Amino acid sequence: MTFLAAQKRFGLNIDRWLTIQSAEQPYKIPAQCHPFEKEWIECAYGIGSIQSEKECKIEYDDFIECILQQKMMRHISTIRKQWDKLIKEGKYTPPPHHVSKGESRP
């Protein structure tokens, strides 16, 4: 039985779940980036792809940031580098449970 036949047999629409997060999801749990995708789709609806690239850039960028979380990862990386720098300079001593040298906790 092919994958598509299994979808049809069990009444699933996995293709739609994977392409549009705002589609009805199994167990009625919305996707994490659903609000951003919804704003972008509402902005781009009916104006064409070329025009929507210009007019809906802010909404699209917010949606992509939610999915990839690049800004957050850069921020965490910067914090981690500063943390490591302070430890090397001896200005900060992390608690034992942060460096895996303390007693294990339940």
C-alpha atoms as a PDB file:
ATOM      1  CA  MET A   1       0.000   0.000   0.000  1.00  0.00           C
ATOM      2  CA  THR A   2       1.446   3.328  -1.008  1.00  0.00           C
ATOM      3  CA  PHE A   3       1.644   6.296   1.319  1.00  0.00           C
ATOM      4  CA  LEU A   4      -1.038   8.184  -0.606  1.00  0.00           C
ATOM      5  CA  ALA A   5      -3.376   5.207  -0.475  1.00  0.00           C
ATOM      6  CA  ALA A   6      -2.886   4.993   3.295  1.00  0.00           C
ATOM      7  CA  GLN A   7      -3.766   8.683   3.650  1.00  0.00           C
ATOM      8  CA  LYS A   8      -6.958   8.194   1.677  1.00  0.00           C
ATOM      9  CA  ARG A   9      -7.898   4.986   3.481  1.00  0.00           C
ATOM     10  CA  PHE A  10      -7.570   6.500   6.969  1.00  0.00           C
ATOM     11  CA  GLY A  11      -9.002   9.895   6.026  1.00  0.00           C
ATOM     12  CA  LEU A  12      -5.774  11.778   6.700  1.00  0.00           C
ATOM     13  CA  ASN A  13      -4.509  14.841   4.880  1.00  0.00           C
ATOM     14  CA  ILE A  14      -0.856  14.903   5.896  1.00  0.00           C
ATOM     15  CA  ASP A  15       0.166  16.940   2.841  1.00  0.00           C
ATOM     16  CA  ARG A  16      -2.005  19.833   4.007  1.00  0.00           C
ATOM     17  CA  TRP A  17      -0.685  19.592   7.594  1.00  0.00           C
ATOM     18  CA  LEU A  18       2.887  19.838   6.302  1.00  0.00           C
ATOM     19  CA  THR A  19       2.339  22.739   3.899  1.00  0.00           C
ATOM     20  CA  ILE A  20      -0.034  25.069   5.727  1.00  0.00           C
ATOM     21  CA  GLN A  21       0.260  25.219   9.505  1.00  0.00           C
ATOM     22  CA  SER A  22      -3.025  27.078   9.766  1.00  0.00           C
ATOM     23  CA  ALA A  23      -4.901  24.103   8.306  1.00  0.00           C
ATOM     24  CA  GLU A  24      -6.925  22.010  10.704  1.00  0.00           C
ATOM     25  CA  GLN A  25      -4.415  19.986  12.691  1.00  0.00           C
ATOM     26  CA  PRO A  26      -4.830  16.578  14.280  1.00  0.00           C
ATOM     27  CA  TYR A  27      -5.876  16.760  17.930  1.00  0.00           C
ATOM     28  CA  LYS A  28      -6.762  20.470  17.394  1.00  0.00           C
ATOM     29  CA  ILE A  29      -3.329  21.655  18.593  1.00  0.00           C
ATOM     30  CA  PRO A  30      -2.223  24.753  16.639  1.00  0.00           C
ATOM     31  CA  ALA A  31       1.288  24.969  15.271  1.00  0.00           C
ATOM     32  CA  GLN A  32       3.799  27.178  17.076  1.00  0.00           C
ATOM     33  CA  CYS A  33       4.119  29.635  14.185  1.00  0.00           C
ATOM     34  CA  HIS A  34       0.451  29.593  13.201  1.00  0.00           C
ATOM     35  CA  PRO A  35      -0.248  33.284  14.014  1.00  0.00           C
ATOM     36  CA  PHE A  36       2.710  34.481  11.933  1.00  0.00           C
ATOM     37  CA  GLU A  37       1.771  32.285   8.991  1.00  0.00           C
ATOM     38  CA  LYS A  38      -1.832  33.452   9.199  1.00  0.00           C
ATOM     39  CA  GLU A  39      -0.775  37.129   9.102  1.00  0.00           C
ATOM     40  CA  TRP A  40       1.457  36.465   6.104  1.00  0.00           C
ATOM     41  CA  ILE A  41      -1.219  34.535   4.180  1.00  0.00           C
ATOM     42  CA  GLU A  42      -3.843  37.197   4.929  1.00  0.00           C
ATOM     43  CA  CYS A  43      -1.467  39.917   3.715  1.00  0.00           C
ATOM     44  CA  ALA A  44      -0.434  38.074   0.542  1.00  0.00           C
ATOM     45  CA  TYR A  45      -3.897  36.786  -0.373  1.00  0.00           C
ATOM     46  CA  GLY A  46      -5.122  38.142  -3.688  1.00  0.00           C
ATOM     47  CA  ILE A  47      -2.282  40.563  -4.521  1.00  0.00           C
ATOM     48  CA  GLY A  48       0.040  38.238  -6.441  1.00  0.00           C
ATOM     49  CA  SER A  49       3.425  36.819  -5.607  1.00  0.00           C
ATOM     50  CA  ILE A  50       5.552  39.693  -6.945  1.00  0.00           C
ATOM     51  CA  GLN A  51       3.561  42.397  -5.170  1.00  0.00           C
ATOM     52  CA  SER A  52       3.281  40.351  -1.971  1.00  0.00           C
ATOM     53  CA  GLU A  53       7.088  40.000  -1.793  1.00  0.00           C
ATOM     54  CA  LYS A  54       7.290  43.779  -1.432  1.00  0.00           C
ATOM     55  CA  GLU A  55       4.198  44.519   0.653  1.00  0.00           C
ATOM     56  CA  CYS A  56       4.286  41.523   2.994  1.00  0.00           C
ATOM     57  CA  LYS A  57       8.031  41.328   3.660  1.00  0.00           C
ATOM     58  CA  ILE A  58       7.651  42.128   7.376  1.00  0.00           C
ATOM     59  CA  GLU A  59       5.034  39.395   7.901  1.00  0.00           C
ATOM     60  CA  TYR A  60       7.074  36.886   5.891  1.00  0.00           C
ATOM     61  CA  ASP A  61      10.270  37.695   7.810  1.00  0.00           C
ATOM     62  CA  ASP A  62       8.423  37.244  11.129  1.00  0.00           C
ATOM     63  CA  PHE A  63       7.111  33.865   9.948  1.00  0.00           C
ATOM     64  CA  ILE A  64      10.560  32.668   8.833  1.00  0.00           C
ATOM     65  CA  GLU A  65      12.111  33.884  12.103  1.00  0.00           C
ATOM     66  CA  CYS A  66       9.531  31.890  14.044  1.00  0.00           C
ATOM     67  CA  ILE A  67      10.343  28.742  12.073  1.00  0.00           C
ATOM     68  CA  LEU A  68      14.153  29.022  12.006  1.00  0.00           C
ATOM     69  CA  GLN A  69      14.736  31.093  15.178  1.00  0.00           C
ATOM     70  CA  GLN A  70      18.018  32.469  13.819  1.00  0.00           C
ATOM     71  CA  LYS A  71      17.968  35.700  15.850  1.00  0.00           C
ATOM     72  CA  MET A  72      17.341  33.794  19.057  1.00  0.00           C
ATOM     73  CA  MET A  73      20.190  31.364  18.321  1.00  0.00           C
ATOM     74  CA  ARG A  74      22.586  34.265  17.634  1.00  0.00           C
ATOM     75  CA  HIS A  75      21.500  35.887  20.901  1.00  0.00           C
ATOM     76  CA  ILE A  76      22.027  32.662  22.863  1.00  0.00           C
ATOM     77  CA  SER A  77      25.424  32.181  21.199  1.00  0.00           C
ATOM     78  CA  THR A  78      26.470  35.714  22.200  1.00  0.00           C
ATOM     79  CA  ILE A  79      25.386  35.105  25.795  1.00  0.00           C
ATOM     80  CA  ARG A  80      27.249  31.792  25.883  1.00  0.00           C
ATOM     81  CA  LYS A  81      30.458  33.380  24.535  1.00  0.00           C
ATOM     82  CA  GLN A  82      30.269  36.120  27.169  1.00  0.00           C
ATOM     83  CA  TRP A  83      29.640  33.491  29.864  1.00  0.00           C
ATOM     84  CA  ASP A  84      32.687  31.475  28.733  1.00  0.00           C
ATOM     85  CA  LYS A  85      34.818  34.641  28.598  1.00  0.00           C
ATOM     86  CA  LEU A  86      33.877  35.591  32.183  1.00  0.00           C
ATOM     87  CA  ILE A  87      34.688  32.065  33.387  1.00  0.00           C
ATOM     88  CA  LYS A  88      38.139  32.170  31.697  1.00  0.00           C
ATOM     89  CA  GLU A  89      38.889  35.559  33.259  1.00  0.00           C
ATOM     90  CA  GLY A  90      37.837  34.251  36.667  1.00  0.00           C
ATOM     91  CA  LYS A  91      35.129  36.874  37.118  1.00  0.00           C
ATOM     92  CA  TYR A  92      32.344  34.306  37.275  1.00  0.00           C
ATOM     93  CA  THR A  93      32.144  30.903  38.878  1.00  0.00           C
ATOM     94  CA  PRO A  94      29.137  28.902  37.743  1.00  0.00           C
ATOM     95  CA  PRO A  95      27.199  26.836  40.261  1.00  0.00           C
ATOM     96  CA  PRO A  96      28.273  23.165  40.424  1.00  0.00           C
ATOM     97  CA  HIS A  97      25.103  21.882  38.773  1.00  0.00           C
ATOM     98  CA  HIS A  98      25.815  24.049  35.682  1.00  0.00           C
ATOM     99  CA  VAL A  99      29.147  22.363  35.006  1.00  0.00           C
ATOM    100  CA  SER A 100      28.130  18.796  35.948  1.00  0.00           C
ATOM    101  CA  LYS A 101      30.416  18.618  38.999  1.00  0.00           C
ATOM    102  CA  GLY A 102      27.832  18.800  41.738  1.00  0.00           C
ATOM    103  CA  GLU A 103      25.703  16.094  43.236  1.00  0.00           C
ATOM    104  CA  SER A 104      22.970  14.806  41.019  1.00  0.00           C
ATOM    105  CA  ARG A 105      19.544  15.965  42.014  1.00  0.00           C
ATOM    106  CA  PRO A 106      16.383  13.924  41.824  1.00  0.00           C
END
